């Protein structure tokens, strides 16, 4: 999604040097930390002790307790004002795959996370036609996901039939509350955190070898292709849900960011798969009304850590540590 220098394309990604390494926010209480972030440069990747992703002590908590734990952890994160937040997380490696969520049915602009849906729609259409992607389609897909290139997304948006093609693909993949953006404005697609986890599930769930071609969903080849691209995004876009993973662990993600011209406030979204203590989690964090891009990224990263903590531990007070 765009930086402030490119307002004519509301979904243009920032240059590599703008998101290199985050400068640390104040290490006081988390709410004060978010308020103290300055508008220049992306936020710190330092974990605050109150929102760290804890190792599962006794396995997943009951779903009601997970929801209460997540709501309690997220409450101090939200600053006053117009900022909104929604989170959903799912444990792919648990028999109980129930999503722990907060505001997961509230609607948000997708910004560039809609590019995953665009690629899924393209691959479903290619499957229906029993063909491989063309060289041009593959080149655009790679640029669209790895570099968040908007020109490539514009081209593929036209290829899939704009919102009609996107909505058809989402219906096949089990999304219930996502609606493609008007005209050429794919970045204004409306979605929910719950739907974004469902889209991730369609990509990252491992199907049995006996069913390589699901009748309505992405086949193994298509899923592996999306996974590969999300696993190799540009280095300057390594922020968001990846902050909640175990040190040195695997992640695959897509971020979205845009400054709305009507308010000057930022939409900051991050969605993907991360690994925490050997478990694979699908996680979606959506936010809007952020005063700066930096504060939005900080909020999303802290929320991702809180979500993983809720999904992996029984409900209990967050441990207090000295800064």
Protein backbone atom coordinates (compact mmCIF):
# COMPACT_ATOMS: atom_id res chain seq x y z
CA UNK A 1 0.00 0.00 0.00
CA UNK A 2 1.17 3.53 -0.60
CA UNK A 3 3.39 5.88 1.28
CA UNK A 4 2.39 9.51 1.68
CA UNK A 5 4.17 10.46 -1.51
CA UNK A 6 1.84 8.57 -3.81
CA UNK A 7 -1.73 9.58 -3.07
CA UNK A 8 -2.95 9.01 -6.65
CA UNK A 9 -2.52 5.24 -6.23
CA UNK A 10 -4.04 4.49 -2.81
CA UNK A 11 -2.48 1.07 -2.67
CA UNK A 12 1.14 1.73 -3.62
CA UNK A 13 3.72 0.05 -1.39
CA UNK A 14 6.50 2.07 0.23
CA UNK A 15 10.09 1.99 -0.93
CA UNK A 16 12.42 -0.49 0.66
CA UNK A 17 14.30 2.07 2.79
CA UNK A 18 11.16 3.27 4.58
CA UNK A 19 10.49 0.00 6.41
CA UNK A 20 14.00 -1.34 7.09
CA UNK A 21 14.31 -1.45 10.84
CA UNK A 22 11.90 -0.03 13.42
CA UNK A 23 13.07 2.48 16.03
CA UNK A 24 12.04 1.48 19.54
CA UNK A 25 9.03 3.09 21.17
CA UNK A 26 9.14 3.91 24.85
CA UNK A 27 9.33 0.88 27.09
CA UNK A 28 6.82 2.00 29.67
CA UNK A 29 3.33 0.52 29.81
CA UNK A 30 2.03 -0.62 26.44
CA UNK A 31 -0.61 2.09 26.08
CA UNK A 32 2.02 4.73 26.80
CA UNK A 33 4.34 2.98 24.36
CA UNK A 34 1.86 3.29 21.52
CA UNK A 35 1.19 6.93 22.33
CA UNK A 36 4.90 7.72 22.41
CA UNK A 37 5.62 6.50 18.88
CA UNK A 38 6.80 9.31 16.63
CA UNK A 39 5.55 9.72 13.03
CA UNK A 40 8.97 9.13 11.47
CA UNK A 41 10.05 5.62 10.57
CA UNK A 42 8.43 2.27 11.26
CA UNK A 43 7.99 0.99 14.83
CA UNK A 44 10.21 -1.12 17.00
CA UNK A 45 10.10 -4.90 16.72
CA UNK A 46 10.87 -5.21 20.45
CA UNK A 47 8.36 -7.42 22.25
CA UNK A 48 6.61 -5.79 25.18
CA UNK A 49 6.39 -8.26 28.05
CA UNK A 50 2.64 -7.82 28.38
CA UNK A 51 1.95 -9.00 24.83
CA UNK A 52 4.62 -11.58 24.19
CA UNK A 53 3.65 -14.90 22.61
CA UNK A 54 3.95 -17.44 25.39
CA UNK A 55 4.77 -21.13 24.99
CA UNK A 56 1.75 -23.37 25.51
CA UNK A 57 1.92 -24.58 29.11
CA UNK A 58 -1.05 -26.93 29.08
CA UNK A 59 -2.24 -26.98 25.47
CA UNK A 60 -4.91 -24.74 23.98
CA UNK A 61 -7.34 -23.10 26.39
CA UNK A 62 -11.09 -23.65 26.06
CA UNK A 63 -12.44 -21.44 23.30
CA UNK A 64 -14.44 -19.20 25.66
CA UNK A 65 -11.35 -18.57 27.77
CA UNK A 66 -9.25 -17.90 24.66
CA UNK A 67 -11.71 -15.22 23.57
CA UNK A 68 -11.74 -13.62 27.01
CA UNK A 69 -7.95 -13.75 27.21
CA UNK A 70 -7.62 -12.10 23.81
CA UNK A 71 -10.13 -9.35 24.60
CA UNK A 72 -8.38 -8.61 27.89
CA UNK A 73 -4.95 -8.50 26.22
CA UNK A 74 -6.11 -6.24 23.40
CA UNK A 75 -7.98 -3.74 25.55
CA UNK A 76 -4.92 -1.68 26.61
CA UNK A 77 -3.56 -1.68 23.05
CA UNK A 78 -6.24 0.48 21.54
CA UNK A 79 -5.49 4.20 21.74
CA UNK A 80 -8.26 6.72 22.11
CA UNK A 81 -9.74 8.16 18.95
CA UNK A 82 -10.86 6.59 15.69
CA UNK A 83 -8.60 3.54 15.70
CA UNK A 84 -10.34 0.19 15.15
CA UNK A 85 -8.85 -3.30 15.45
CA UNK A 86 -9.89 -6.84 14.60
CA UNK A 87 -7.95 -10.08 15.14
CA UNK A 88 -8.51 -13.75 14.31
CA UNK A 89 -6.17 -16.69 14.87
CA UNK A 90 -6.40 -20.41 14.16
CA UNK A 91 -4.11 -23.30 15.16
CA UNK A 92 -3.55 -25.45 12.07
CA UNK A 93 -1.93 -28.24 14.08
CA UNK A 94 -4.63 -28.63 16.72
CA UNK A 95 -7.60 -30.97 16.58
CA UNK A 96 -9.61 -28.03 17.91
CA UNK A 97 -9.16 -25.51 15.11
CA UNK A 98 -11.62 -22.99 16.53
CA UNK A 99 -10.62 -19.37 15.90
CA UNK A 100 -9.85 -17.12 18.85
CA UNK A 101 -11.01 -13.72 17.73
CA UNK A 102 -11.73 -10.09 18.59
CA UNK A 103 -13.98 -7.97 16.38
CA UNK A 104 -13.53 -10.67 13.75
CA UNK A 105 -16.82 -9.91 11.96
CA UNK A 106 -16.28 -6.15 11.64
CA UNK A 107 -15.67 -4.86 8.11
CA UNK A 108 -12.37 -3.23 7.08
CA UNK A 109 -10.75 -2.06 3.85
CA UNK A 110 -8.31 -4.71 2.68
CA UNK A 111 -5.64 -2.49 1.14
CA UNK A 112 -2.99 -4.82 -0.36
CA UNK A 113 -3.94 -7.98 1.52
CA UNK A 114 -6.62 -8.35 -1.20
CA UNK A 115 -3.79 -9.33 -3.53
CA UNK A 116 -3.83 -12.83 -2.04
CA UNK A 117 -7.49 -13.13 -3.03
CA UNK A 118 -6.74 -11.82 -6.51
CA UNK A 119 -4.10 -14.50 -7.01
CA UNK A 120 -6.40 -17.19 -5.60
CA UNK A 121 -9.10 -16.13 -8.08
CA UNK A 122 -6.62 -16.23 -10.97
CA UNK A 123 -5.49 -19.73 -10.02
CA UNK A 124 -9.05 -21.02 -9.62
CA UNK A 125 -9.93 -19.72 -13.07
CA UNK A 126 -6.83 -21.38 -14.52
CA UNK A 127 -7.79 -24.65 -12.80
CA UNK A 128 -11.27 -24.45 -14.32
CA UNK A 129 -9.72 -23.97 -17.75
CA UNK A 130 -7.27 -26.84 -17.11
CA UNK A 131 -4.27 -24.67 -17.88
CA UNK A 132 -1.16 -23.26 -16.28
CA UNK A 133 -0.60 -19.57 -15.70
CA UNK A 134 1.04 -17.78 -18.61
CA UNK A 135 4.52 -16.36 -18.23
CA UNK A 136 3.04 -12.85 -18.00
CA UNK A 137 0.55 -13.93 -15.35
CA UNK A 138 3.28 -15.54 -13.28
CA UNK A 139 5.47 -12.46 -13.55
CA UNK A 140 2.62 -10.23 -12.41
CA UNK A 141 1.68 -12.63 -9.60
CA UNK A 142 5.23 -12.63 -8.28
CA UNK A 143 5.48 -8.84 -8.33
CA UNK A 144 2.02 -8.44 -6.81
CA UNK A 145 2.66 -10.69 -3.80
CA UNK A 146 6.39 -10.43 -3.17
CA UNK A 147 6.84 -6.72 -3.88
CA UNK A 148 3.19 -5.64 -3.39
CA UNK A 149 3.33 -4.06 -6.85
CA UNK A 150 0.12 -2.21 -7.68
CA UNK A 151 0.54 -2.15 -11.46
CA UNK A 152 0.74 -5.94 -11.44
CA UNK A 153 -2.35 -6.10 -9.23
CA UNK A 154 -4.22 -3.75 -11.59
CA UNK A 155 -3.46 -6.07 -14.50
CA UNK A 156 -4.55 -9.24 -12.71
CA UNK A 157 -7.65 -7.50 -11.30
CA UNK A 158 -8.76 -6.98 -14.88
CA UNK A 159 -7.82 -10.56 -15.80
CA UNK A 160 -10.04 -12.11 -13.13
CA UNK A 161 -13.02 -9.90 -13.99
CA UNK A 162 -12.59 -7.36 -11.17
CA UNK A 163 -14.91 -7.66 -8.18
CA UNK A 164 -17.16 -10.24 -9.82
CA UNK A 165 -14.26 -12.65 -10.28
CA UNK A 166 -12.91 -12.00 -6.80
CA UNK A 167 -16.29 -12.53 -5.15
CA UNK A 168 -16.86 -15.77 -7.05
CA UNK A 169 -13.50 -17.10 -5.87
CA UNK A 170 -14.14 -16.07 -2.29
CA UNK A 171 -17.50 -17.84 -2.30
CA UNK A 172 -15.85 -21.06 -3.48
CA UNK A 173 -13.24 -20.78 -0.74
CA UNK A 174 -15.76 -20.27 2.05
CA UNK A 175 -15.52 -16.52 2.67
CA UNK A 176 -18.88 -15.12 3.70
CA UNK A 177 -18.47 -11.42 4.41
CA UNK A 178 -15.95 -10.13 1.83
CA UNK A 179 -17.01 -7.93 -1.08
CA UNK A 180 -14.78 -6.83 -3.94
CA UNK A 181 -13.97 -3.15 -4.29
CA UNK A 182 -15.81 -0.88 -6.76
CA UNK A 183 -14.50 -0.54 -10.30
CA UNK A 184 -10.72 -0.64 -10.40
CA UNK A 185 -10.34 -0.03 -6.64
CA UNK A 186 -9.41 -3.50 -5.43
CA UNK A 187 -7.79 -1.97 -2.33
CA UNK A 188 -11.25 -0.95 -1.10
CA UNK A 189 -12.46 -4.54 -1.00
CA UNK A 190 -14.32 -4.98 2.29
CA UNK A 191 -13.39 -7.95 4.47
CA UNK A 192 -13.32 -9.28 8.03
CA UNK A 193 -10.55 -10.84 10.08
CA UNK A 194 -12.53 -14.09 10.20
CA UNK A 195 -12.83 -14.21 6.40
CA UNK A 196 -9.11 -13.54 5.99
CA UNK A 197 -8.28 -16.51 8.21
CA UNK A 198 -10.66 -18.59 6.09
CA UNK A 199 -8.76 -17.51 2.97
CA UNK A 200 -5.48 -18.45 4.64
CA UNK A 201 -6.98 -21.80 5.57
CA UNK A 202 -7.80 -22.42 1.91
CA UNK A 203 -4.13 -21.77 1.08
CA UNK A 204 -2.22 -23.36 3.96
CA UNK A 205 -4.31 -26.36 5.00
CA UNK A 206 -2.65 -29.60 3.93
CA UNK A 207 -5.08 -31.74 1.96
CA UNK A 208 -4.74 -35.54 1.93
CA UNK A 209 -2.71 -36.95 -0.93
CA UNK A 210 -5.85 -38.75 -2.12
CA UNK A 211 -7.54 -35.45 -3.02
CA UNK A 212 -5.08 -33.33 -5.00
CA UNK A 213 -7.88 -31.53 -6.86
CA UNK A 214 -10.60 -30.26 -4.53
CA UNK A 215 -13.77 -29.79 -6.62
CA UNK A 216 -14.25 -26.16 -5.57
CA UNK A 217 -11.01 -25.11 -3.90
CA UNK A 218 -7.38 -24.57 -4.74
CA UNK A 219 -5.50 -27.69 -5.74
CA UNK A 220 -2.16 -28.64 -4.22
CA UNK A 221 -0.15 -26.95 -6.95
CA UNK A 222 -2.05 -23.66 -6.60
CA UNK A 223 -1.77 -23.69 -2.82
CA UNK A 224 1.95 -24.37 -2.97
CA UNK A 225 2.42 -21.49 -5.43
CA UNK A 226 0.67 -18.93 -3.22
CA UNK A 227 2.54 -20.25 -0.18
CA UNK A 228 5.86 -19.92 -1.99
CA UNK A 229 5.26 -16.29 -2.92
CA UNK A 230 4.04 -15.31 0.57
CA UNK A 231 7.10 -17.09 1.97
CA UNK A 232 9.48 -14.93 -0.06
CA UNK A 233 8.21 -11.38 0.22
CA UNK A 234 10.59 -8.44 -0.10
CA UNK A 235 12.74 -7.92 2.99
CA UNK A 236 11.41 -4.42 3.61
CA UNK A 237 7.94 -5.87 4.14
CA UNK A 238 8.91 -8.22 6.98
CA UNK A 239 6.63 -6.66 9.57
CA UNK A 240 3.20 -7.37 10.96
CA UNK A 241 2.13 -10.86 12.01
CA UNK A 242 5.65 -12.24 11.60
CA UNK A 243 6.53 -10.37 14.82
CA UNK A 244 4.53 -12.97 16.78
CA UNK A 245 6.52 -15.97 15.55
CA UNK A 246 9.16 -17.82 17.52
CA UNK A 247 12.71 -16.46 17.00
CA UNK A 248 14.10 -17.91 13.80
CA UNK A 249 10.84 -19.66 12.95
CA UNK A 250 9.06 -19.87 9.62
CA UNK A 251 6.49 -17.33 8.42
CA UNK A 252 4.62 -16.42 5.24
CA UNK A 253 2.58 -13.24 5.03
CA UNK A 254 1.01 -10.40 3.08
CA UNK A 255 0.68 -6.88 4.45
CA UNK A 256 -1.53 -4.00 3.38
CA UNK A 257 -1.28 -0.29 4.13
CA UNK A 258 -2.92 2.86 2.82
CA UNK A 259 -3.47 6.40 4.02
CA UNK A 260 -7.08 7.36 3.36
CA UNK A 261 -7.34 10.68 1.54
CA UNK A 262 -10.64 11.56 3.23
CA UNK A 263 -9.29 11.41 6.81
CA UNK A 264 -5.50 11.27 6.56
CA UNK A 265 -5.64 8.17 8.80
CA UNK A 266 -4.01 4.84 8.01
CA UNK A 267 -5.35 1.37 7.28
CA UNK A 268 -2.72 -1.16 8.39
CA UNK A 269 -3.37 -4.90 7.87
CA UNK A 270 -1.28 -8.04 8.14
CA UNK A 271 -2.24 -11.65 7.50
CA UNK A 272 -0.33 -14.90 7.17
CA UNK A 273 1.00 -18.12 8.67
CA UNK A 274 3.55 -18.18 11.49
CA UNK A 275 5.15 -20.92 13.56
CA UNK A 276 5.23 -20.68 17.35
CA UNK A 277 6.89 -23.44 19.38
CA UNK A 278 6.39 -25.93 16.58
CA UNK A 279 2.72 -25.09 15.92
CA UNK A 280 1.51 -23.45 12.72
CA UNK A 281 -0.94 -20.59 13.22
CA UNK A 282 -3.02 -18.62 10.74
CA UNK A 283 -3.48 -15.07 11.90
CA UNK A 284 -5.17 -11.96 10.54
CA UNK A 285 -4.92 -8.49 12.10
CA UNK A 286 -6.89 -5.64 10.56
CA UNK A 287 -6.85 -2.02 11.70
CA UNK A 288 -8.06 1.39 10.59
CA UNK A 289 -8.00 4.95 11.87
CA UNK A 290 -4.30 4.84 12.78
CA UNK A 291 -2.79 8.34 13.08
CA UNK A 292 0.49 7.25 11.45
CA UNK A 293 1.79 4.25 9.55
CA UNK A 294 4.30 3.63 12.31
CA UNK A 295 1.71 3.55 15.09
CA UNK A 296 -0.47 1.25 12.99
CA UNK A 297 2.33 -1.26 12.47
CA UNK A 298 3.12 -1.16 16.18
CA UNK A 299 -0.53 -1.85 17.00
CA UNK A 300 -0.77 -4.73 14.53
CA UNK A 301 2.41 -6.39 15.81
CA UNK A 302 1.40 -6.14 19.47
CA UNK A 303 -2.07 -7.43 18.61
CA UNK A 304 -0.57 -10.41 16.76
CA UNK A 305 1.50 -11.33 19.81
CA UNK A 306 -1.54 -11.00 22.06
CA UNK A 307 -3.54 -13.25 19.74
CA UNK A 308 -0.91 -15.97 19.78
CA UNK A 309 -0.75 -15.74 23.56
CA UNK A 310 -4.52 -16.22 23.76
CA UNK A 311 -4.44 -19.16 21.37
CA UNK A 312 -1.65 -21.01 23.15
CA UNK A 313 -2.27 -20.56 26.88
CA UNK A 314 -5.04 -20.86 29.39
CA UNK A 315 -6.63 -17.60 30.44
CA UNK A 316 -4.39 -16.02 33.05
CA UNK A 317 -3.00 -12.56 33.87
CA UNK A 318 -0.18 -11.47 31.59
CA UNK A 319 3.15 -11.70 33.46
CA UNK A 320 4.57 -8.42 34.66
CA UNK A 321 8.26 -7.76 34.17
CA UNK A 322 10.47 -4.77 34.62
CA UNK A 323 11.23 -2.94 31.38
